[in-house]
N, C-alpha and C. Protein backbone atom coordinates (compact mmCIF):
# COMPACT_ATOMS: atom_id res chain seq x y z
N MET A 1 -19.06 -30.05 17.00
CA MET A 1 -17.41 -29.79 16.13
C MET A 1 -16.71 -29.32 16.73
N THR A 2 -15.99 -30.48 17.03
CA THR A 2 -14.76 -29.72 18.38
C THR A 2 -13.97 -28.78 17.24
N GLN A 3 -13.88 -28.57 15.59
CA GLN A 3 -12.87 -28.07 15.44
C GLN A 3 -13.44 -26.39 15.39
N LEU A 4 -14.63 -26.18 14.99
CA LEU A 4 -15.40 -25.27 15.78
C LEU A 4 -15.52 -24.85 17.11
N VAL A 5 -15.43 -25.43 18.01
CA VAL A 5 -15.04 -25.25 19.29
C VAL A 5 -14.47 -24.75 19.44
N GLY A 6 -12.73 -25.17 19.01
CA GLY A 6 -11.48 -25.10 18.89
C GLY A 6 -10.86 -23.99 18.33
N ILE A 7 -11.50 -23.60 17.48
CA ILE A 7 -11.80 -22.07 16.38
C ILE A 7 -11.98 -20.88 17.50
N ARG A 8 -12.89 -21.02 18.02
CA ARG A 8 -13.91 -20.35 18.45
C ARG A 8 -12.81 -19.66 20.33
N THR A 9 -12.48 -20.77 20.39
CA THR A 9 -11.74 -20.72 21.97
C THR A 9 -10.75 -19.94 21.50
N ALA A 10 -9.99 -20.80 20.09
CA ALA A 10 -8.93 -19.41 20.38
C ALA A 10 -8.94 -18.33 19.93
N GLY A 11 -10.24 -17.56 19.90
CA GLY A 11 -10.48 -16.54 19.83
C GLY A 11 -10.41 -16.41 18.58
N ALA A 12 -10.53 -16.55 17.35
CA ALA A 12 -10.46 -16.62 15.93
C ALA A 12 -11.54 -16.57 15.13
N PRO A 13 -11.66 -15.52 14.10
CA PRO A 13 -13.53 -15.03 14.12
C PRO A 13 -13.79 -16.22 13.10
N LEU A 14 -15.40 -16.49 13.42
CA LEU A 14 -15.90 -17.66 12.33
C LEU A 14 -17.06 -17.31 11.67
N SER A 15 -16.46 -17.17 9.83
CA SER A 15 -17.40 -16.44 9.41
C SER A 15 -18.48 -17.99 8.67
N LEU A 16 -19.14 -17.50 7.40
CA LEU A 16 -20.16 -18.64 7.69
C LEU A 16 -19.52 -19.27 6.00
N ALA A 17 -18.61 -18.63 5.56
CA ALA A 17 -17.76 -19.31 4.95
C ALA A 17 -16.87 -20.00 5.32
N THR A 18 -16.23 -19.45 6.23
CA THR A 18 -15.00 -20.52 7.94
C THR A 18 -15.85 -21.81 7.52
N VAL A 19 -17.31 -21.39 8.12
CA VAL A 19 -18.68 -22.94 8.50
C VAL A 19 -18.48 -23.52 7.51
N ARG A 20 -18.68 -23.15 6.40
CA ARG A 20 -19.44 -23.83 5.31
C ARG A 20 -18.20 -24.79 5.36
N CYS A 21 -16.95 -24.30 5.32
CA CYS A 21 -15.60 -24.74 4.42
C CYS A 21 -15.26 -26.59 5.70
N ILE A 22 -15.22 -26.05 7.15
CA ILE A 22 -15.02 -26.89 7.95
C ILE A 22 -16.04 -27.98 7.51
N ILE A 23 -17.12 -27.68 7.69
CA ILE A 23 -18.59 -28.40 7.98
C ILE A 23 -18.09 -29.72 6.88
N ILE A 24 -17.98 -28.94 5.34
CA ILE A 24 -18.21 -29.88 3.84
C ILE A 24 -16.46 -30.76 4.47
N ALA A 25 -15.36 -30.21 5.11
CA ALA A 25 -14.34 -31.08 4.87
C ALA A 25 -14.11 -32.26 6.07
N MET A 26 -15.41 -32.08 6.77
CA MET A 26 -15.56 -33.18 7.65
C MET A 26 -16.76 -33.82 7.29
N ILE A 27 -17.75 -34.09 6.07
CA ILE A 27 -18.21 -34.36 6.08
C ILE A 27 -17.78 -35.20 4.83
N GLN A 28 -16.16 -34.88 4.20
CA GLN A 28 -15.78 -35.16 3.00
C GLN A 28 -15.10 -36.61 4.10
N LYS A 29 -14.66 -36.25 5.48
CA LYS A 29 -13.97 -37.53 5.55
C LYS A 29 -13.96 -38.66 6.47
N GLN A 30 -15.35 -37.69 7.30
CA GLN A 30 -16.67 -39.19 7.99
C GLN A 30 -16.97 -39.89 7.46
N ALA A 31 -18.34 -39.01 6.75
CA ALA A 31 -19.27 -39.07 5.61
C ALA A 31 -19.47 -38.75 3.93
N PRO A 32 -18.39 -39.04 3.14
CA PRO A 32 -18.59 -39.22 1.82
C PRO A 32 -19.53 -38.75 1.44
N GLU A 33 -20.30 -40.50 1.91
CA GLU A 33 -21.84 -40.88 0.82
C GLU A 33 -22.61 -39.68 1.39
N ILE A 34 -22.79 -39.12 1.67
CA ILE A 34 -24.03 -37.53 2.21
C ILE A 34 -23.67 -37.01 0.58
N PHE A 35 -22.59 -36.98 0.03
CA PHE A 35 -23.04 -35.73 -0.85
C PHE A 35 -23.29 -36.29 -2.14
N GLU A 36 -23.52 -37.94 -2.45
CA GLU A 36 -24.01 -38.51 -2.92
C GLU A 36 -25.47 -39.15 -2.77
N ARG A 37 -25.88 -39.03 -2.43
CA ARG A 37 -27.08 -39.68 -2.26
C ARG A 37 -27.91 -38.63 -2.78
N LYS A 38 -28.87 -39.16 -3.69
CA LYS A 38 -29.96 -38.47 -3.71
C LYS A 38 -31.45 -38.26 -3.61
N PHE A 39 -32.12 -37.73 -3.03
CA PHE A 39 -33.70 -37.18 -3.01
C PHE A 39 -34.52 -37.92 -4.41
N THR A 40 -35.35 -37.46 -3.97
CA THR A 40 -36.50 -38.32 -4.59
C THR A 40 -36.92 -37.28 -5.90
N ASP A 41 -36.23 -35.90 -5.56
CA ASP A 41 -36.86 -34.92 -7.00
C ASP A 41 -34.79 -34.85 -8.19
N GLY A 42 -33.99 -35.54 -7.43
CA GLY A 42 -33.20 -35.86 -8.41
C GLY A 42 -31.75 -35.12 -7.39
N SER A 43 -32.37 -33.93 -7.02
CA SER A 43 -31.17 -33.35 -6.13
C SER A 43 -30.37 -33.98 -4.83
N THR A 44 -29.41 -33.46 -4.69
CA THR A 44 -28.05 -33.99 -4.18
C THR A 44 -27.96 -32.64 -2.79
N PHE A 45 -27.73 -33.01 -1.33
CA PHE A 45 -27.55 -32.79 -0.22
C PHE A 45 -25.70 -31.51 -0.81
N GLN A 46 -26.45 -30.64 -0.37
CA GLN A 46 -25.89 -29.24 -0.67
C GLN A 46 -25.16 -28.15 1.10
N VAL A 47 -24.27 -27.75 0.90
CA VAL A 47 -23.86 -27.45 2.53
C VAL A 47 -24.08 -25.98 2.36
N SER A 48 -25.02 -25.16 1.76
CA SER A 48 -25.77 -24.33 1.80
C SER A 48 -25.84 -22.73 3.16
N ASP A 49 -25.38 -22.07 2.81
CA ASP A 49 -25.76 -21.04 3.76
C ASP A 49 -26.22 -21.11 4.48
N SER A 50 -28.27 -21.36 3.74
CA SER A 50 -29.34 -21.59 5.23
C SER A 50 -28.94 -22.80 5.91
N PHE A 51 -28.26 -23.86 5.20
CA PHE A 51 -28.03 -24.84 6.44
C PHE A 51 -27.26 -24.81 7.31
N CYS A 52 -26.34 -24.28 6.61
CA CYS A 52 -24.76 -23.53 7.90
C CYS A 52 -25.57 -22.84 8.99
N ARG A 53 -26.59 -21.79 8.87
CA ARG A 53 -27.41 -20.80 10.04
C ARG A 53 -28.45 -22.05 11.07
N LYS A 54 -28.97 -23.11 10.08
CA LYS A 54 -29.86 -23.70 10.99
C LYS A 54 -28.59 -24.69 12.58
N PHE A 55 -27.45 -25.11 11.46
CA PHE A 55 -26.96 -25.69 12.19
C PHE A 55 -26.18 -25.20 13.39
N LEU A 56 -25.78 -23.28 13.18
CA LEU A 56 -24.91 -22.93 13.60
C LEU A 56 -26.26 -22.49 14.98
N HIS A 57 -27.62 -21.82 14.95
CA HIS A 57 -28.42 -21.97 15.78
C HIS A 57 -28.82 -22.95 16.41
N LYS A 58 -29.29 -23.79 15.61
CA LYS A 58 -29.62 -25.14 16.56
C LYS A 58 -28.59 -26.24 17.39
N THR A 59 -27.66 -26.70 16.34
CA THR A 59 -26.85 -27.57 16.97
C THR A 59 -26.19 -26.76 17.78
N MET A 60 -25.39 -25.77 17.67
CA MET A 60 -24.60 -24.95 18.50
C MET A 60 -24.99 -24.37 19.57
N ALA A 61 -25.73 -23.97 18.89
CA ALA A 61 -26.64 -23.24 20.01
C ALA A 61 -26.04 -21.85 19.89
N TRP A 62 -25.36 -21.24 18.62
CA TRP A 62 -24.50 -20.28 18.52
C TRP A 62 -25.28 -18.56 17.56
N SER A 63 -24.49 -17.48 17.67
CA SER A 63 -25.26 -16.55 17.41
C SER A 63 -24.45 -15.84 16.16
N ILE A 64 -24.40 -14.88 15.57
CA ILE A 64 -23.07 -13.53 15.04
C ILE A 64 -23.71 -12.54 16.48
N ARG A 65 -22.65 -12.30 16.43
CA ARG A 65 -22.15 -11.33 17.60
C ARG A 65 -21.18 -9.85 16.27
N LYS A 66 -21.37 -8.78 17.10
CA LYS A 66 -21.19 -7.77 16.26
C LYS A 66 -20.52 -7.14 16.86
N GLY A 67 -19.38 -6.46 16.71
CA GLY A 67 -17.84 -5.15 17.47
C GLY A 67 -18.96 -3.63 16.41
N THR A 68 -18.44 -2.64 16.99
CA THR A 68 -19.01 -1.55 16.72
C THR A 68 -17.29 -0.69 17.16
N LYS A 69 -16.95 0.81 15.47
CA LYS A 69 -16.27 1.23 15.84
C LYS A 69 -16.75 2.39 15.53
N ALA A 70 -16.09 3.55 15.00
CA ALA A 70 -16.78 4.88 14.18
C ALA A 70 -15.98 5.04 13.21
N ALA A 71 -17.11 5.89 12.54
CA ALA A 71 -16.82 5.02 11.40
C ALA A 71 -15.70 6.28 10.36
N GLN A 72 -14.63 6.47 9.67
CA GLN A 72 -14.44 7.55 9.29
C GLN A 72 -14.64 9.01 8.93
N LYS A 73 -14.28 9.73 9.56
CA LYS A 73 -14.87 10.89 9.39
C LYS A 73 -13.93 11.75 8.38
N MET A 74 -14.81 12.60 7.66
CA MET A 74 -14.58 13.94 6.46
C MET A 74 -13.70 15.11 7.28
N PRO A 75 -12.10 15.33 6.33
CA PRO A 75 -11.98 16.55 7.57
C PRO A 75 -12.48 17.65 7.10
N GLU A 76 -12.62 18.69 7.97
CA GLU A 76 -13.29 20.34 8.03
C GLU A 76 -13.52 20.99 6.35
N ASN A 77 -11.89 20.32 6.12
CA ASN A 77 -11.37 21.10 5.05
C ASN A 77 -11.24 20.88 3.77
N ALA A 78 -11.79 19.52 3.82
CA ALA A 78 -12.03 18.85 2.73
C ALA A 78 -12.07 19.49 0.85
N GLU A 79 -12.89 20.86 0.77
CA GLU A 79 -13.13 21.05 -0.18
C GLU A 79 -12.13 21.67 -0.23
N GLU A 80 -10.97 22.49 0.78
CA GLU A 80 -9.66 23.08 0.34
C GLU A 80 -9.09 22.43 -0.15
N GLN A 81 -8.60 21.21 0.46
CA GLN A 81 -7.83 20.11 -0.21
C GLN A 81 -7.43 20.21 -1.86
N CYS A 82 -9.17 19.19 -1.72
CA CYS A 82 -9.18 19.50 -3.10
C CYS A 82 -8.81 20.37 -3.67
N GLU A 83 -9.26 21.38 -3.59
CA GLU A 83 -8.79 22.99 -4.55
C GLU A 83 -7.26 22.94 -5.12
N THR A 84 -6.77 22.59 -3.46
CA THR A 84 -5.53 22.66 -3.68
C THR A 84 -5.03 21.78 -4.83
N ALA A 85 -4.95 20.89 -4.21
CA ALA A 85 -4.54 19.16 -5.37
C ALA A 85 -5.11 19.70 -6.92
N PHE A 86 -6.34 20.08 -7.40
CA PHE A 86 -6.27 20.65 -8.19
C PHE A 86 -5.35 22.04 -8.83
N LEU A 87 -5.06 22.45 -8.47
CA LEU A 87 -4.25 24.17 -8.68
C LEU A 87 -2.88 23.22 -8.08
N ARG A 88 -2.27 22.47 -8.06
CA ARG A 88 -1.29 21.79 -7.84
C ARG A 88 -0.96 20.75 -9.33
N ARG A 89 -1.78 20.05 -9.81
CA ARG A 89 -1.63 19.43 -10.82
C ARG A 89 -1.88 19.80 -11.59
N ALA A 90 -2.64 21.39 -11.65
CA ALA A 90 -2.61 22.55 -13.50
C ALA A 90 -1.06 23.36 -13.06
N TRP A 91 -0.89 23.39 -11.72
CA TRP A 91 0.42 24.06 -12.42
C TRP A 91 1.69 22.88 -12.55
N MET A 92 1.74 21.86 -12.11
CA MET A 92 2.45 21.27 -13.11
C MET A 92 2.37 21.03 -14.34
N ILE A 93 1.05 20.31 -15.25
CA ILE A 93 1.29 20.71 -16.70
C ILE A 93 1.74 21.62 -17.27
N LYS A 94 1.84 22.81 -16.40
CA LYS A 94 1.83 24.05 -17.35
C LYS A 94 3.09 23.92 -17.02
N GLU A 95 3.68 24.02 -15.96
CA GLU A 95 5.11 24.13 -16.12
C GLU A 95 6.48 22.89 -16.77
N HIS A 96 5.81 21.67 -16.63
CA HIS A 96 6.26 20.70 -17.31
C HIS A 96 6.31 20.44 -19.00
N ARG A 97 4.84 21.48 -19.50
CA ARG A 97 4.54 20.91 -21.10
C ARG A 97 3.69 19.70 -21.04
N ILE A 98 3.23 19.09 -20.40
CA ILE A 98 2.98 17.71 -20.40
C ILE A 98 1.53 18.35 -21.03
N THR A 99 1.65 17.30 -22.18
CA THR A 99 0.38 17.71 -23.56
C THR A 99 -0.68 16.42 -23.70
N HIS A 100 0.10 15.29 -23.06
CA HIS A 100 -0.59 14.06 -23.57
C HIS A 100 -1.05 13.59 -21.85
N PRO A 101 -2.51 13.30 -22.37
CA PRO A 101 -3.27 12.50 -21.31
C PRO A 101 -2.84 11.70 -20.69
N GLU A 102 -1.93 10.59 -21.71
CA GLU A 102 -0.85 9.09 -21.39
C GLU A 102 0.22 9.39 -20.30
N LEU A 103 0.54 10.75 -20.22
CA LEU A 103 1.65 10.66 -19.16
C LEU A 103 1.78 11.44 -17.26
N ILE A 104 -0.03 11.73 -17.41
CA ILE A 104 -1.20 12.14 -16.03
C ILE A 104 -1.40 11.03 -15.93
N ILE A 105 -0.68 10.83 -14.99
CA ILE A 105 -1.10 9.82 -13.77
C ILE A 105 -1.17 8.74 -12.55
N ASN A 106 -2.24 8.78 -11.97
CA ASN A 106 -3.30 8.90 -10.92
C ASN A 106 -2.41 7.27 -9.99
N ALA A 107 -1.90 7.18 -9.11
CA ALA A 107 -2.46 6.13 -8.62
C ALA A 107 -2.27 6.46 -7.29
N ASP A 108 -2.88 4.95 -6.50
CA ASP A 108 -2.52 5.00 -5.22
C ASP A 108 -2.62 3.72 -4.32
N GLN A 109 -2.08 3.50 -3.45
CA GLN A 109 -1.36 2.04 -2.90
C GLN A 109 -2.10 1.80 -1.65
N THR A 110 -2.50 0.06 -1.44
CA THR A 110 -3.55 0.40 -0.41
C THR A 110 -3.19 -1.02 0.18
N GLY A 111 -2.88 -0.96 1.06
CA GLY A 111 -2.38 -2.36 2.42
C GLY A 111 -3.27 -3.42 1.67
N VAL A 112 -3.11 -5.00 1.61
CA VAL A 112 -3.51 -6.08 1.85
C VAL A 112 -3.16 -7.08 3.16
N ILE A 113 -4.09 -6.92 3.68
CA ILE A 113 -3.67 -8.10 4.88
C ILE A 113 -3.99 -9.04 4.54
N TYR A 114 -2.34 -10.38 4.98
CA TYR A 114 -2.70 -11.56 4.38
C TYR A 114 -4.03 -12.47 5.38
N LEU A 115 -4.44 -12.22 6.12
CA LEU A 115 -5.48 -12.90 7.24
C LEU A 115 -6.10 -11.99 7.70
N PRO A 116 -6.97 -11.00 7.40
CA PRO A 116 -8.08 -9.41 7.57
C PRO A 116 -8.63 -10.01 8.70
N GLY A 117 -8.45 -9.32 9.95
CA GLY A 117 -9.09 -9.69 10.90
C GLY A 117 -10.80 -9.40 10.55
N SER A 118 -11.89 -9.30 11.63
CA SER A 118 -13.12 -9.66 11.44
C SER A 118 -13.77 -9.23 13.17
N ARG A 119 -14.08 -8.47 13.18
CA ARG A 119 -15.02 -8.14 14.43
C ARG A 119 -16.88 -8.52 14.30
N MET A 120 -17.00 -9.87 13.87
CA MET A 120 -18.44 -10.39 13.28
C MET A 120 -17.64 -11.65 13.58
N THR A 121 -18.15 -12.41 14.51
CA THR A 121 -17.84 -14.23 14.59
C THR A 121 -19.55 -15.15 14.79
N TRP A 122 -19.30 -16.29 15.06
CA TRP A 122 -20.14 -16.90 15.35
C TRP A 122 -20.13 -17.29 16.87
N ALA A 123 -20.51 -17.30 18.03
CA ALA A 123 -20.39 -17.40 20.00
C ALA A 123 -21.45 -18.00 19.76
N PRO A 124 -21.34 -18.43 21.31
CA PRO A 124 -22.62 -18.87 22.42
C PRO A 124 -23.64 -18.06 22.61
N THR A 125 -24.64 -18.34 22.13
CA THR A 125 -26.04 -17.29 22.08
C THR A 125 -25.31 -16.87 23.88
N GLY A 126 -25.60 -15.93 24.02
CA GLY A 126 -25.87 -15.38 25.65
C GLY A 126 -24.29 -14.84 25.81
N ALA A 127 -23.43 -15.10 24.90
CA ALA A 127 -22.26 -15.60 26.16
C ALA A 127 -21.43 -13.63 26.33
N LYS A 128 -21.02 -13.25 27.07
CA LYS A 128 -20.72 -11.64 28.11
C LYS A 128 -19.70 -11.61 27.46
N GLN A 129 -18.29 -12.23 27.02
CA GLN A 129 -17.06 -12.10 26.14
C GLN A 129 -17.06 -13.03 25.09
N VAL A 130 -16.57 -11.86 24.14
CA VAL A 130 -16.80 -12.67 22.60
C VAL A 130 -14.99 -12.61 22.67
N PRO A 131 -13.59 -13.09 22.74
CA PRO A 131 -12.95 -12.50 22.58
C PRO A 131 -12.29 -12.54 21.13
N LEU A 132 -11.43 -11.91 20.48
CA LEU A 132 -10.85 -12.62 19.10
C LEU A 132 -9.73 -11.67 18.82
N ILE A 133 -9.21 -12.38 18.11
CA ILE A 133 -7.86 -12.19 17.82
C ILE A 133 -7.64 -11.62 16.27
N GLY A 134 -6.56 -11.90 15.63
CA GLY A 134 -6.72 -10.66 14.55
C GLY A 134 -7.17 -9.46 14.09
N ASN A 135 -7.63 -9.33 14.97
CA ASN A 135 -7.67 -7.49 14.15
C ASN A 135 -6.57 -6.61 14.48
N GLU A 136 -5.88 -7.08 15.04
CA GLU A 136 -4.88 -6.10 14.74
C GLU A 136 -3.60 -6.85 13.87
N GLU A 137 -3.90 -7.72 13.13
CA GLU A 137 -3.32 -8.56 11.66
C GLU A 137 -2.27 -7.19 11.35
N LYS A 138 -1.45 -7.36 11.25
CA LYS A 138 -0.87 -6.45 10.37
C LYS A 138 0.09 -7.45 8.95
N ARG A 139 0.68 -8.23 8.66
CA ARG A 139 1.23 -8.52 8.01
C ARG A 139 0.48 -8.62 6.31
N ALA A 140 1.26 -7.82 6.31
CA ALA A 140 0.07 -7.75 4.92
C ALA A 140 1.45 -7.30 3.29
N PHE A 141 1.22 -7.42 2.41
CA PHE A 141 1.91 -6.62 1.70
C PHE A 141 0.91 -5.31 0.90
N THR A 142 2.29 -4.45 -0.32
CA THR A 142 0.57 -3.26 -0.35
C THR A 142 0.82 -3.73 -2.17
N ALA A 143 -0.65 -3.30 -2.34
CA ALA A 143 -1.07 -3.42 -4.03
C ALA A 143 -0.63 -2.22 -4.34
N LEU A 144 0.12 -1.60 -5.28
CA LEU A 144 -0.25 -0.14 -6.07
C LEU A 144 -1.38 -0.20 -7.30
N LEU A 145 -2.13 0.86 -7.46
CA LEU A 145 -2.89 0.31 -9.00
C LEU A 145 -2.85 1.76 -9.15
N ALA A 146 -2.84 2.08 -11.00
CA ALA A 146 -2.45 3.69 -11.54
C ALA A 146 -3.10 3.21 -12.65
N ILE A 147 -3.65 4.71 -13.21
CA ILE A 147 -4.45 4.71 -14.13
C ILE A 147 -4.34 6.16 -14.52
N THR A 148 -4.39 6.33 -16.15
CA THR A 148 -3.97 7.32 -16.73
C THR A 148 -5.64 8.12 -16.81
N ALA A 149 -4.54 9.29 -17.50
CA ALA A 149 -6.11 10.49 -17.59
C ALA A 149 -6.58 10.40 -18.67
N ALA A 150 -6.48 9.58 -19.68
CA ALA A 150 -6.83 8.86 -20.95
C ALA A 150 -7.37 7.85 -20.87
N GLY A 151 -7.42 7.43 -19.27
CA GLY A 151 -8.08 6.17 -19.43
C GLY A 151 -7.35 4.73 -19.16
N GLY A 152 -6.19 4.91 -19.41
CA GLY A 152 -5.44 3.23 -19.60
C GLY A 152 -5.34 3.28 -17.55
N ARG A 153 -4.90 1.69 -17.80
CA ARG A 153 -4.04 1.92 -16.44
C ARG A 153 -3.20 0.90 -16.54
N LEU A 154 -2.26 1.04 -15.11
CA LEU A 154 -1.22 0.12 -15.62
C LEU A 154 -0.93 -0.84 -14.82
N PRO A 155 -0.86 -2.11 -15.02
CA PRO A 155 -0.57 -3.43 -14.19
C PRO A 155 -0.16 -3.29 -13.09
N ILE A 156 -1.11 -3.90 -12.07
CA ILE A 156 -0.57 -3.82 -10.74
C ILE A 156 1.03 -4.20 -10.28
N GLN A 157 1.32 -3.52 -8.69
CA GLN A 157 2.26 -3.67 -8.61
C GLN A 157 2.50 -4.32 -7.31
N CYS A 158 2.90 -5.11 -6.67
CA CYS A 158 2.77 -6.02 -5.65
C CYS A 158 4.14 -5.21 -5.04
N VAL A 159 4.51 -4.83 -3.61
CA VAL A 159 5.58 -4.31 -2.44
C VAL A 159 4.79 -5.23 -1.72
N TYR A 160 6.38 -5.96 -0.97
CA TYR A 160 6.74 -7.09 -0.07
C TYR A 160 7.77 -6.36 0.92
N GLU A 161 7.45 -6.65 1.92
CA GLU A 161 8.58 -6.29 2.84
C GLU A 161 10.07 -7.16 3.05
N GLY A 162 10.60 -6.82 3.60
CA GLY A 162 11.73 -8.10 2.78
C GLY A 162 13.27 -6.78 2.37
N LYS A 163 14.43 -7.50 2.16
CA LYS A 163 15.10 -6.87 1.00
C LYS A 163 16.53 -8.19 0.06
N THR A 164 15.81 -9.50 -0.05
CA THR A 164 15.82 -10.12 -0.91
C THR A 164 14.47 -11.02 -2.12
N THR A 165 15.05 -11.40 -2.64
CA THR A 165 13.50 -11.98 -3.71
C THR A 165 12.74 -13.20 -2.74
N LYS A 166 13.62 -13.50 -2.24
CA LYS A 166 12.72 -14.77 -1.16
C LYS A 166 11.83 -14.43 -0.72
N SER A 167 11.54 -12.34 -0.26
CA SER A 167 10.55 -11.88 -0.47
C SER A 167 8.73 -11.99 -1.14
N VAL A 168 9.42 -12.36 -2.31
CA VAL A 168 7.84 -12.08 -3.28
C VAL A 168 7.54 -13.49 -3.77
N PRO A 169 5.96 -14.03 -3.68
CA PRO A 169 6.04 -15.10 -3.98
C PRO A 169 6.54 -15.91 -5.43
N SER A 170 7.64 -17.52 -5.23
CA SER A 170 8.33 -16.98 -6.03
C SER A 170 7.02 -18.23 -7.40
N ASP A 171 8.68 -18.54 -8.70
CA ASP A 171 8.39 -18.28 -9.33
C ASP A 171 7.42 -19.51 -9.84
N SER A 172 7.47 -20.51 -8.88
CA SER A 172 6.16 -21.96 -8.96
C SER A 172 5.09 -21.33 -7.88
N ALA A 173 4.58 -20.10 -7.26
CA ALA A 173 3.11 -20.05 -6.55
C ALA A 173 2.68 -20.39 -7.83
N ALA A 174 1.73 -20.81 -6.91
CA ALA A 174 -0.13 -20.66 -7.63
C ALA A 174 -0.82 -19.46 -8.48
N ASN A 175 -0.60 -19.22 -9.41
CA ASN A 175 -1.93 -18.22 -10.35
C ASN A 175 -0.07 -17.00 -10.34
N ARG A 176 0.83 -17.02 -9.99
CA ARG A 176 2.19 -16.67 -10.87
C ARG A 176 2.04 -16.82 -12.17
N LYS A 177 1.93 -17.71 -13.19
CA LYS A 177 2.40 -17.60 -14.40
C LYS A 177 1.09 -16.61 -14.84
N ASP A 178 -0.08 -16.90 -14.21
CA ASP A 178 -1.31 -15.96 -14.33
C ASP A 178 -1.01 -14.10 -14.57
N CYS A 179 -0.63 -13.88 -13.12
CA CYS A 179 -0.54 -12.91 -12.75
C CYS A 179 1.09 -12.35 -14.54
N ASP A 180 2.09 -12.54 -13.84
CA ASP A 180 3.18 -11.98 -15.01
C ASP A 180 2.67 -12.15 -16.22
N ASP A 181 1.92 -12.57 -17.31
CA ASP A 181 1.02 -12.96 -18.08
C ASP A 181 0.68 -11.46 -18.00
N ALA A 182 -0.09 -11.30 -17.35
CA ALA A 182 -1.00 -9.92 -17.04
C ALA A 182 -0.55 -8.95 -16.56
N GLY A 183 0.92 -8.93 -16.34
CA GLY A 183 1.77 -7.45 -16.55
C GLY A 183 2.11 -7.14 -14.45
N PHE A 184 1.61 -8.31 -13.51
CA PHE A 184 2.00 -7.49 -12.75
C PHE A 184 3.39 -7.45 -12.48
N CYS A 185 3.73 -6.89 -11.26
CA CYS A 185 5.34 -6.47 -10.68
C CYS A 185 5.29 -7.00 -9.19
N PHE A 186 6.39 -7.86 -9.17
CA PHE A 186 6.00 -8.41 -7.75
C PHE A 186 7.93 -7.47 -7.00
N VAL A 187 8.18 -6.96 -6.38
CA VAL A 187 9.34 -6.58 -5.46
C VAL A 187 8.83 -6.83 -4.40
N PHE A 188 10.03 -6.35 -4.00
CA PHE A 188 10.46 -6.34 -2.20
C PHE A 188 10.92 -4.83 -2.14
N SER A 189 10.57 -4.78 -0.62
CA SER A 189 11.04 -2.84 -0.45
C SER A 189 12.22 -2.87 0.06
N GLY A 190 13.04 -3.34 -0.07
CA GLY A 190 14.18 -3.52 0.83
C GLY A 190 14.12 -2.95 2.17
N LYS A 191 13.29 -3.27 2.40
CA LYS A 191 13.43 -2.50 4.32
C LYS A 191 12.79 -4.10 4.94
N THR A 192 12.24 -3.69 6.10
CA THR A 192 11.48 -5.16 7.23
C THR A 192 11.03 -4.08 8.44
N ARG A 193 10.52 -4.83 9.36
CA ARG A 193 9.86 -4.23 10.41
C ARG A 193 8.60 -3.31 9.83
N ASN A 194 7.81 -4.62 8.80
CA ASN A 194 6.10 -3.86 8.30
C ASN A 194 6.28 -2.44 7.85
N HIS A 195 7.44 -2.47 6.78
CA HIS A 195 7.75 -1.65 6.18
C HIS A 195 7.39 -2.65 4.52
N CYS A 196 5.96 -2.17 3.67
CA CYS A 196 6.46 -2.91 1.65
C CYS A 196 5.22 -1.80 1.54
N TRP A 197 5.22 -0.93 1.76
CA TRP A 197 5.14 0.05 1.28
C TRP A 197 5.46 1.13 -0.11
N PHE A 198 4.92 1.37 -1.06
CA PHE A 198 5.98 1.42 -2.62
C PHE A 198 6.31 3.15 -2.63
N ALA A 199 7.39 2.90 -2.16
CA ALA A 199 8.64 4.44 -1.69
C ALA A 199 8.83 4.81 -2.58
N ARG A 200 9.88 5.70 -3.08
CA ARG A 200 11.12 6.15 -3.86
C ARG A 200 11.68 5.12 -3.97
N GLY A 201 11.83 5.06 -5.56
CA GLY A 201 13.09 4.54 -5.50
C GLY A 201 12.46 3.03 -5.93
N LEU A 202 11.16 3.01 -5.97
CA LEU A 202 10.41 1.80 -6.13
C LEU A 202 9.27 2.10 -7.57
N ASP A 203 9.38 3.84 -7.80
CA ASP A 203 8.38 4.43 -8.75
C ASP A 203 9.19 4.43 -10.03
N SER A 204 10.08 5.06 -10.37
CA SER A 204 10.72 4.48 -11.76
C SER A 204 11.10 3.66 -12.61
N GLY A 205 11.26 2.34 -11.60
CA GLY A 205 11.45 1.15 -12.70
C GLY A 205 10.17 0.75 -12.60
N TYR A 206 9.53 0.89 -11.84
CA TYR A 206 7.75 0.37 -12.16
C TYR A 206 7.11 0.80 -13.42
N LEU A 207 7.17 2.73 -14.00
CA LEU A 207 7.07 2.91 -14.49
C LEU A 207 7.89 3.00 -15.68
N HIS A 208 8.97 2.25 -15.71
CA HIS A 208 9.50 1.82 -17.00
C HIS A 208 9.43 0.72 -17.51
N ARG A 209 9.45 -0.55 -16.44
CA ARG A 209 9.11 -1.57 -17.05
C ARG A 209 7.52 -1.61 -17.81
N LYS A 210 6.17 -0.72 -16.95
CA LYS A 210 5.01 -1.05 -17.21
C LYS A 210 5.10 -0.98 -18.77
N ARG A 211 4.47 -1.33 -19.28
CA ARG A 211 3.47 -0.70 -20.88
C ARG A 211 1.61 -0.28 -20.11
N LEU A 212 0.74 0.50 -21.14
CA LEU A 212 0.10 1.07 -20.91
C LEU A 212 -1.43 -0.25 -20.96
N CYS A 213 -2.84 -0.63 -20.48
CA CYS A 213 -3.54 -1.52 -21.08
C CYS A 213 -4.47 -1.12 -21.90
């Protein structure tokens, strides 16, 4: 399979799902009748995970390779930080006379990488060097998730790097209507150079436009 070899030679990670898609595409292009052929029990050929593993092990002589990295550590003063955050919230609730739990909102943002890198890939068994590209991939957008103390949730806001509406998915993009119907909000950050985080200036518009679900 020259396609698999080409991807591996380029250093891109190969997951089982990727391999399965490539095998299906090649069969559909070169011998689609394989999918129509029925066995004695009436079943048809399926490109299952077990088939892909056997193909990679026996035909390609590849095995799964994995890198390691240190796990994220909990701060030494984690309890102190939690207590400080609790007292700060209690003070704000008291000083601003917040009586409705719907007005207490907890939000967090997470980066969604378009092509996430992986430290796992299929490669020739016994290979001493297994180069990978994509581990430092940074092109992404930011998803803001928010819930209220009453248990309600706000629709997701997606922030994209850029200064114009061309930076966000177009109105004709796949599944855009479904997202709009669900209340998703697509905005541009107003900045470039890997800046797509939710920042001051985007918060007020988001809260005014959104209704609680």
